[in-house]
């Protein structure tokens, strides 16, 4: 008997090298490896080559001698994306915060109100209309700056114009392009005329009173 460097005893007349050492390392595919001494009666086993088939473990029925293809251990399992690891090896929690560095939206330009026309008589009685700098067109159409609805005697477009002149801070009334007549304090107007606080503009069956905001006592500037 001869003892190898790993401490195994073998018959040198039958083996040129220790037959037990390959069982501890990586055995070549297709080779039968004997069990090491003291293995408790374990049977030798054969390492199958890659892609080969192996008999199923256990069973003594007619199907026990059939071979089945070997599958990876994770075959058929759903893939789970791996989460990044933190410094301690645990999963890192990612928190999303709103961006405070986003550029602020530009404010929408606003034409400040300079006064109002208030309907004191007619279908729109009690309604007020904002006036802005320059020309304010008066008519029945919704596109008009001052839309006097419900009065069929008011022209659809440009029955009259109420103008605010910013340099002198004064209000003016000008007849429009339509055939409708324009009255100021009961007097018919054919050309531009200055308006004062509480003057009444009459169009059709509607009467509109001027309520100034900008003037000698107040200015947006």
C-alpha atoms as a PDB file:
ATOM      1  CA  UNK A   1       0.000   0.000   0.000  1.00  0.00           C
ATOM      2  CA  UNK A   2       1.134   3.507  -0.800  1.00  0.00           C
ATOM      3  CA  UNK A   3       0.048   6.784   0.882  1.00  0.00           C
ATOM      4  CA  UNK A   4      -0.414   9.898  -1.285  1.00  0.00           C
ATOM      5  CA  UNK A   5       0.321  13.470  -0.224  1.00  0.00           C
ATOM      6  CA  UNK A   6      -3.329  13.873   0.829  1.00  0.00           C
ATOM      7  CA  UNK A   7      -3.119  10.905   3.206  1.00  0.00           C
ATOM      8  CA  UNK A   8      -5.014   8.378   1.057  1.00  0.00           C
ATOM      9  CA  UNK A   9      -3.828   4.730   0.909  1.00  0.00           C
ATOM     10  CA  UNK A  10      -4.041   2.870  -2.424  1.00  0.00           C
ATOM     11  CA  UNK A  11      -2.605  -0.206  -4.153  1.00  0.00           C
ATOM     12  CA  UNK A  12       0.188   0.994  -6.399  1.00  0.00           C
ATOM     13  CA  UNK A  13       0.054  -2.283  -8.333  1.00  0.00           C
ATOM     14  CA  UNK A  14      -3.462  -1.382  -9.521  1.00  0.00           C
ATOM     15  CA  UNK A  15      -3.264   2.419  -9.714  1.00  0.00           C
ATOM     16  CA  UNK A  16      -0.478   4.594 -11.027  1.00  0.00           C
ATOM     17  CA  UNK A  17      -1.774   7.552  -8.971  1.00  0.00           C
ATOM     18  CA  UNK A  18      -4.093   8.104  -6.037  1.00  0.00           C
ATOM     19  CA  UNK A  19      -7.605   7.265  -7.266  1.00  0.00           C
ATOM     20  CA  UNK A  20      -9.231   9.282  -4.478  1.00  0.00           C
ATOM     21  CA  UNK A  21      -7.693  12.725  -5.008  1.00  0.00           C
ATOM     22  CA  UNK A  22      -9.846  13.655  -8.108  1.00  0.00           C
ATOM     23  CA  UNK A  23     -12.964  13.362  -5.921  1.00  0.00           C
ATOM     24  CA  UNK A  24     -11.779  16.361  -3.895  1.00  0.00           C
ATOM     25  CA  UNK A  25     -10.927  18.585  -6.854  1.00  0.00           C
ATOM     26  CA  UNK A  26     -12.872  19.167 -10.018  1.00  0.00           C
ATOM     27  CA  UNK A  27     -13.488  15.830 -11.746  1.00  0.00           C
ATOM     28  CA  UNK A  28     -13.414  15.771 -15.548  1.00  0.00           C
ATOM     29  CA  UNK A  29     -16.752  15.385 -17.240  1.00  0.00           C
ATOM     30  CA  UNK A  30     -17.802  11.795 -17.917  1.00  0.00           C
ATOM     31  CA  UNK A  31     -15.378  10.216 -15.388  1.00  0.00           C
ATOM     32  CA  UNK A  32     -16.421   7.947 -12.516  1.00  0.00           C
ATOM     33  CA  UNK A  33     -14.974   9.095  -9.214  1.00  0.00           C
ATOM     34  CA  UNK A  34     -14.620   6.576  -6.352  1.00  0.00           C
ATOM     35  CA  UNK A  35     -15.733   7.648  -2.919  1.00  0.00           C
ATOM     36  CA  UNK A  36     -12.913   8.472  -0.498  1.00  0.00           C
ATOM     37  CA  UNK A  37     -12.170   6.066   2.362  1.00  0.00           C
ATOM     38  CA  UNK A  38     -14.405   6.393   5.401  1.00  0.00           C
ATOM     39  CA  UNK A  39     -17.272   7.773   3.336  1.00  0.00           C
ATOM     40  CA  UNK A  40     -19.850   5.637   5.096  1.00  0.00           C
ATOM     41  CA  UNK A  41     -20.426   3.305   2.158  1.00  0.00           C
ATOM     42  CA  UNK A  42     -21.107   6.080  -0.339  1.00  0.00           C
ATOM     43  CA  UNK A  43     -21.258   4.845  -3.915  1.00  0.00           C
ATOM     44  CA  UNK A  44     -18.963   6.195  -6.642  1.00  0.00           C
ATOM     45  CA  UNK A  45     -20.587   8.769  -8.904  1.00  0.00           C
ATOM     46  CA  UNK A  46     -20.143   9.966 -12.468  1.00  0.00           C
ATOM     47  CA  UNK A  47     -19.837  13.655 -13.387  1.00  0.00           C
ATOM     48  CA  UNK A  48     -22.023  14.159 -16.492  1.00  0.00           C
ATOM     49  CA  UNK A  49     -20.662  16.286 -19.327  1.00  0.00           C
ATOM     50  CA  UNK A  50     -22.328  19.654 -20.118  1.00  0.00           C
ATOM     51  CA  UNK A  51     -25.719  19.195 -21.826  1.00  0.00           C
ATOM     52  CA  UNK A  52     -25.914  15.474 -20.907  1.00  0.00           C
ATOM     53  CA  UNK A  53     -28.867  13.802 -19.281  1.00  0.00           C
ATOM     54  CA  UNK A  54     -29.049  12.334 -15.817  1.00  0.00           C
ATOM     55  CA  UNK A  55     -31.461   9.813 -14.286  1.00  0.00           C
ATOM     56  CA  UNK A  56     -34.071  11.259 -11.924  1.00  0.00           C
ATOM     57  CA  UNK A  57     -33.339  10.927  -8.243  1.00  0.00           C
ATOM     58  CA  UNK A  58     -35.417   8.336  -6.384  1.00  0.00           C
ATOM     59  CA  UNK A  59     -38.280   6.163  -7.652  1.00  0.00           C
ATOM     60  CA  UNK A  60     -38.447   2.491  -8.582  1.00  0.00           C
ATOM     61  CA  UNK A  61     -41.336   2.500 -11.070  1.00  0.00           C
ATOM     62  CA  UNK A  62     -41.152   2.005 -14.816  1.00  0.00           C
ATOM     63  CA  UNK A  63     -40.307   5.698 -15.316  1.00  0.00           C
ATOM     64  CA  UNK A  64     -37.344   5.541 -12.944  1.00  0.00           C
ATOM     65  CA  UNK A  65     -34.905   4.331 -15.606  1.00  0.00           C
ATOM     66  CA  UNK A  66     -35.696   7.170 -18.022  1.00  0.00           C
ATOM     67  CA  UNK A  67     -33.333  10.080 -18.294  1.00  0.00           C
ATOM     68  CA  UNK A  68     -34.382  13.736 -18.383  1.00  0.00           C
ATOM     69  CA  UNK A  69     -32.409  16.809 -19.515  1.00  0.00           C
ATOM     70  CA  UNK A  70     -30.682  18.651 -16.727  1.00  0.00           C
ATOM     71  CA  UNK A  71     -32.091  22.156 -16.107  1.00  0.00           C
ATOM     72  CA  UNK A  72     -30.570  25.130 -14.331  1.00  0.00           C
ATOM     73  CA  UNK A  73     -31.754  25.519 -10.753  1.00  0.00           C
ATOM     74  CA  UNK A  74     -33.352  28.901 -11.496  1.00  0.00           C
ATOM     75  CA  UNK A  75     -35.217  27.724 -14.628  1.00  0.00           C
ATOM     76  CA  UNK A  76     -38.851  28.799 -14.659  1.00  0.00           C
ATOM     77  CA  UNK A  77     -38.441  31.338 -11.866  1.00  0.00           C
ATOM     78  CA  UNK A  78     -39.452  34.976 -12.531  1.00  0.00           C
ATOM     79  CA  UNK A  79     -36.559  37.353 -12.884  1.00  0.00           C
ATOM     80  CA  UNK A  80     -36.343  39.949 -10.120  1.00  0.00           C
ATOM     81  CA  UNK A  81     -34.275  43.097 -10.760  1.00  0.00           C
ATOM     82  CA  UNK A  82     -31.574  43.529  -8.189  1.00  0.00           C
ATOM     83  CA  UNK A  83     -31.665  46.699  -6.130  1.00  0.00           C
ATOM     84  CA  UNK A  84     -28.477  48.725  -5.605  1.00  0.00           C
ATOM     85  CA  UNK A  85     -26.723  47.996  -2.337  1.00  0.00           C
ATOM     86  CA  UNK A  86     -25.878  50.594   0.250  1.00  0.00           C
ATOM     87  CA  UNK A  87     -22.620  50.865   2.218  1.00  0.00           C
ATOM     88  CA  UNK A  88     -23.749  48.199   4.728  1.00  0.00           C
ATOM     89  CA  UNK A  89     -24.867  45.759   2.034  1.00  0.00           C
ATOM     90  CA  UNK A  90     -28.560  46.504   2.485  1.00  0.00           C
ATOM     91  CA  UNK A  91     -30.928  47.809  -0.151  1.00  0.00           C
ATOM     92  CA  UNK A  92     -30.661  51.504  -0.825  1.00  0.00           C
ATOM     93  CA  UNK A  93     -33.866  53.547  -0.555  1.00  0.00           C
ATOM     94  CA  UNK A  94     -34.198  56.180  -3.272  1.00  0.00           C
ATOM     95  CA  UNK A  95     -36.419  59.177  -2.464  1.00  0.00           C
ATOM     96  CA  UNK A  96     -37.564  61.554  -5.208  1.00  0.00           C
ATOM     97  CA  UNK A  97     -37.752  65.236  -4.284  1.00  0.00           C
ATOM     98  CA  UNK A  98     -39.356  68.014  -6.335  1.00  0.00           C
ATOM     99  CA  UNK A  99     -36.951  70.281  -8.129  1.00  0.00           C
ATOM    100  CA  UNK A 100     -36.765  73.736  -6.583  1.00  0.00           C
ATOM    101  CA  UNK A 101     -34.299  74.939  -9.210  1.00  0.00           C
ATOM    102  CA  UNK A 102     -36.793  74.867 -12.085  1.00  0.00           C
ATOM    103  CA  UNK A 103     -37.212  78.289 -13.682  1.00  0.00           C
ATOM    104  CA  UNK A 104     -40.318  80.102 -12.506  1.00  0.00           C
ATOM    105  CA  UNK A 105     -42.993  80.730 -15.078  1.00  0.00           C
ATOM    106  CA  UNK A 106     -43.147  84.270 -16.341  1.00  0.00           C
ATOM    107  CA  UNK A 107     -46.171  86.136 -14.976  1.00  0.00           C
ATOM    108  CA  UNK A 108     -48.958  86.715 -17.440  1.00  0.00           C
ATOM    109  CA  UNK A 109     -49.190  90.418 -18.332  1.00  0.00           C
ATOM    110  CA  UNK A 110     -52.320  91.973 -16.899  1.00  0.00           C
ATOM    111  CA  UNK A 111     -53.949  95.110 -18.198  1.00  0.00           C
ATOM    112  CA  UNK A 112     -54.933  96.882 -14.974  1.00  0.00           C
ATOM    113  CA  UNK A 113     -58.490  98.036 -14.606  1.00  0.00           C
ATOM    114  CA  UNK A 114     -58.958 101.803 -14.901  1.00  0.00           C
ATOM    115  CA  UNK A 115     -62.693 101.934 -14.234  1.00  0.00           C
ATOM    116  CA  UNK A 116     -66.037 100.272 -14.878  1.00  0.00           C
ATOM    117  CA  UNK A 117     -69.255 100.679 -16.779  1.00  0.00           C
ATOM    118  CA  UNK A 118     -72.235  99.570 -14.676  1.00  0.00           C
ATOM    119  CA  UNK A 119     -75.538  98.713 -16.336  1.00  0.00           C
ATOM    120  CA  UNK A 120     -78.277 100.599 -14.463  1.00  0.00           C
ATOM    121  CA  UNK A 121     -81.110  99.865 -16.885  1.00  0.00           C
ATOM    122  CA  UNK A 122     -81.841  97.198 -19.500  1.00  0.00           C
ATOM    123  CA  UNK A 123     -81.608  93.382 -19.796  1.00  0.00           C
ATOM    124  CA  UNK A 124     -78.130  93.337 -18.145  1.00  0.00           C
ATOM    125  CA  UNK A 125     -79.120  95.597 -15.249  1.00  0.00           C
ATOM    126  CA  UNK A 126     -76.738  95.226 -12.303  1.00  0.00           C
ATOM    127  CA  UNK A 127     -73.821  93.917 -14.351  1.00  0.00           C
ATOM    128  CA  UNK A 128     -70.442  95.670 -14.379  1.00  0.00           C
ATOM    129  CA  UNK A 129     -67.834  95.805 -17.169  1.00  0.00           C
ATOM    130  CA  UNK A 130     -64.093  96.361 -16.703  1.00  0.00           C
ATOM    131  CA  UNK A 131     -62.417  99.154 -18.643  1.00  0.00           C
ATOM    132  CA  UNK A 132     -58.717  99.132 -19.543  1.00  0.00           C
ATOM    133  CA  UNK A 133     -56.255 101.589 -21.073  1.00  0.00           C
ATOM    134  CA  UNK A 134     -56.965 102.744 -24.655  1.00  0.00           C
ATOM    135  CA  UNK A 135     -60.081 101.669 -26.600  1.00  0.00           C
ATOM    136  CA  UNK A 136     -62.883  99.560 -25.098  1.00  0.00           C
ATOM    137  CA  UNK A 137     -65.309  98.416 -27.808  1.00  0.00           C
ATOM    138  CA  UNK A 138     -68.984  98.172 -26.824  1.00  0.00           C
ATOM    139  CA  UNK A 139     -71.409  95.782 -28.549  1.00  0.00           C
ATOM    140  CA  UNK A 140     -73.566  92.683 -28.208  1.00  0.00           C
ATOM    141  CA  UNK A 141     -70.945  90.215 -29.516  1.00  0.00           C
ATOM    142  CA  UNK A 142     -68.964  88.221 -26.937  1.00  0.00           C
ATOM    143  CA  UNK A 143     -65.685  89.357 -28.502  1.00  0.00           C
ATOM    144  CA  UNK A 144     -66.390  92.953 -27.469  1.00  0.00           C
ATOM    145  CA  UNK A 145     -64.612  94.452 -24.443  1.00  0.00           C
ATOM    146  CA  UNK A 146     -68.025  95.496 -23.111  1.00  0.00           C
ATOM    147  CA  UNK A 147     -70.522  92.800 -24.128  1.00  0.00           C
ATOM    148  CA  UNK A 148     -74.083  94.060 -23.563  1.00  0.00           C
ATOM    149  CA  UNK A 149     -76.084  90.846 -23.896  1.00  0.00           C
ATOM    150  CA  UNK A 150     -79.825  90.500 -24.294  1.00  0.00           C
ATOM    151  CA  UNK A 151     -80.467  93.906 -25.879  1.00  0.00           C
ATOM    152  CA  UNK A 152     -81.344  93.421 -29.572  1.00  0.00           C
ATOM    153  CA  UNK A 153     -81.136  97.194 -30.204  1.00  0.00           C
ATOM    154  CA  UNK A 154     -77.411  97.172 -29.409  1.00  0.00           C
ATOM    155  CA  UNK A 155     -75.253  96.469 -32.470  1.00  0.00           C
ATOM    156  CA  UNK A 156     -73.228  93.261 -32.428  1.00  0.00           C
ATOM    157  CA  UNK A 157     -69.871  94.973 -32.928  1.00  0.00           C
ATOM    158  CA  UNK A 158     -68.549  98.449 -32.145  1.00  0.00           C
ATOM    159  CA  UNK A 159     -71.785 100.232 -31.335  1.00  0.00           C
ATOM    160  CA  UNK A 160     -69.585 102.647 -29.340  1.00  0.00           C
ATOM    161  CA  UNK A 161     -66.077 103.089 -27.939  1.00  0.00           C
ATOM    162  CA  UNK A 162     -65.128 104.117 -24.409  1.00  0.00           C
ATOM    163  CA  UNK A 163     -61.511 105.297 -24.396  1.00  0.00           C
ATOM    164  CA  UNK A 164     -59.151 105.856 -21.468  1.00  0.00           C
ATOM    165  CA  UNK A 165     -56.280 108.220 -22.273  1.00  0.00           C
ATOM    166  CA  UNK A 166     -53.423 107.439 -19.815  1.00  0.00           C
ATOM    167  CA  UNK A 167     -51.439 110.678 -20.131  1.00  0.00           C
ATOM    168  CA  UNK A 168     -54.292 112.928 -19.073  1.00  0.00           C
ATOM    169  CA  UNK A 169     -56.115 110.139 -17.147  1.00  0.00           C
ATOM    170  CA  UNK A 170     -59.385 111.000 -18.841  1.00  0.00           C
ATOM    171  CA  UNK A 171     -62.290 108.970 -20.275  1.00  0.00           C
ATOM    172  CA  UNK A 172     -63.812 109.620 -23.694  1.00  0.00           C
ATOM    173  CA  UNK A 173     -66.898 108.395 -25.552  1.00  0.00           C
ATOM    174  CA  UNK A 174     -66.822 107.905 -29.308  1.00  0.00           C
ATOM    175  CA  UNK A 175     -69.667 106.621 -31.528  1.00  0.00           C
ATOM    176  CA  UNK A 176     -68.805 103.306 -33.188  1.00  0.00           C
ATOM    177  CA  UNK A 177     -68.857 102.059 -36.775  1.00  0.00           C
ATOM    178  CA  UNK A 178     -72.399 100.663 -36.613  1.00  0.00           C
ATOM    179  CA  UNK A 179     -75.666 102.387 -37.463  1.00  0.00           C
ATOM    180  CA  UNK A 180     -76.774 102.448 -33.801  1.00  0.00           C
ATOM    181  CA  UNK A 181     -77.170 105.776 -32.044  1.00  0.00           C
ATOM    182  CA  UNK A 182     -75.146 106.774 -28.982  1.00  0.00           C
ATOM    183  CA  UNK A 183     -76.354 109.069 -26.193  1.00  0.00           C
ATOM    184  CA  UNK A 184     -74.456 110.618 -23.275  1.00  0.00           C
ATOM    185  CA  UNK A 185     -76.641 111.901 -20.448  1.00  0.00           C
ATOM    186  CA  UNK A 186     -79.588 111.927 -22.850  1.00  0.00           C
ATOM    187  CA  UNK A 187     -77.816 113.888 -25.617  1.00  0.00           C
ATOM    188  CA  UNK A 188     -77.001 112.241 -28.940  1.00  0.00           C
ATOM    189  CA  UNK A 189     -73.302 112.157 -29.840  1.00  0.00           C
ATOM    190  CA  UNK A 190     -71.712 112.237 -33.287  1.00  0.00           C
ATOM    191  CA  UNK A 191     -68.074 112.862 -32.322  1.00  0.00           C
ATOM    192  CA  UNK A 192     -65.760 112.055 -29.396  1.00  0.00           C
ATOM    193  CA  UNK A 193     -66.744 113.656 -26.102  1.00  0.00           C
ATOM    194  CA  UNK A 194     -65.120 113.509 -22.675  1.00  0.00           C
ATOM    195  CA  UNK A 195     -66.849 111.506 -19.946  1.00  0.00           C
ATOM    196  CA  UNK A 196     -66.895 112.245 -16.233  1.00  0.00           C
ATOM    197  CA  UNK A 197     -67.730 110.161 -13.187  1.00  0.00           C
ATOM    198  CA  UNK A 198     -71.349 108.892 -13.134  1.00  0.00           C
ATOM    199  CA  UNK A 199     -72.060 110.008 -16.699  1.00  0.00           C
ATOM    200  CA  UNK A 200     -74.617 107.695 -18.334  1.00  0.00           C
ATOM    201  CA  UNK A 201     -74.098 106.121 -21.768  1.00  0.00           C
ATOM    202  CA  UNK A 202     -77.300 104.988 -23.519  1.00  0.00           C
ATOM    203  CA  UNK A 203     -77.280 102.274 -26.215  1.00  0.00           C
ATOM    204  CA  UNK A 204     -80.626 100.827 -27.342  1.00  0.00           C
ATOM    205  CA  UNK A 205     -82.558  99.997 -24.171  1.00  0.00           C
ATOM    206  CA  UNK A 206     -79.440  99.800 -21.992  1.00  0.00           C
ATOM    207  CA  UNK A 207     -77.933 102.516 -19.819  1.00  0.00           C
ATOM    208  CA  UNK A 208     -74.316 102.246 -18.618  1.00  0.00           C
ATOM    209  CA  UNK A 209     -72.877 104.473 -15.864  1.00  0.00           C
ATOM    210  CA  UNK A 210     -69.162 105.340 -15.759  1.00  0.00           C
ATOM    211  CA  UNK A 211     -67.370 104.590 -12.468  1.00  0.00           C
ATOM    212  CA  UNK A 212     -63.713 105.729 -12.766  1.00  0.00           C
ATOM    213  CA  UNK A 213     -60.851 104.210 -10.764  1.00  0.00           C
ATOM    214  CA  UNK A 214     -57.742 105.875 -12.179  1.00  0.00           C
ATOM    215  CA  UNK A 215     -57.756 109.656 -12.022  1.00  0.00           C
ATOM    216  CA  UNK A 216     -56.349 112.516  -9.972  1.00  0.00           C
ATOM    217  CA  UNK A 217     -56.692 110.526  -6.734  1.00  0.00           C
ATOM    218  CA  UNK A 218     -55.288 107.158  -7.901  1.00  0.00           C
ATOM    219  CA  UNK A 219     -52.845 105.869 -10.489  1.00  0.00           C
ATOM    220  CA  UNK A 220     -51.331 102.382 -10.965  1.00  0.00           C
ATOM    221  CA  UNK A 221     -47.919 104.004 -11.486  1.00  0.00           C
END
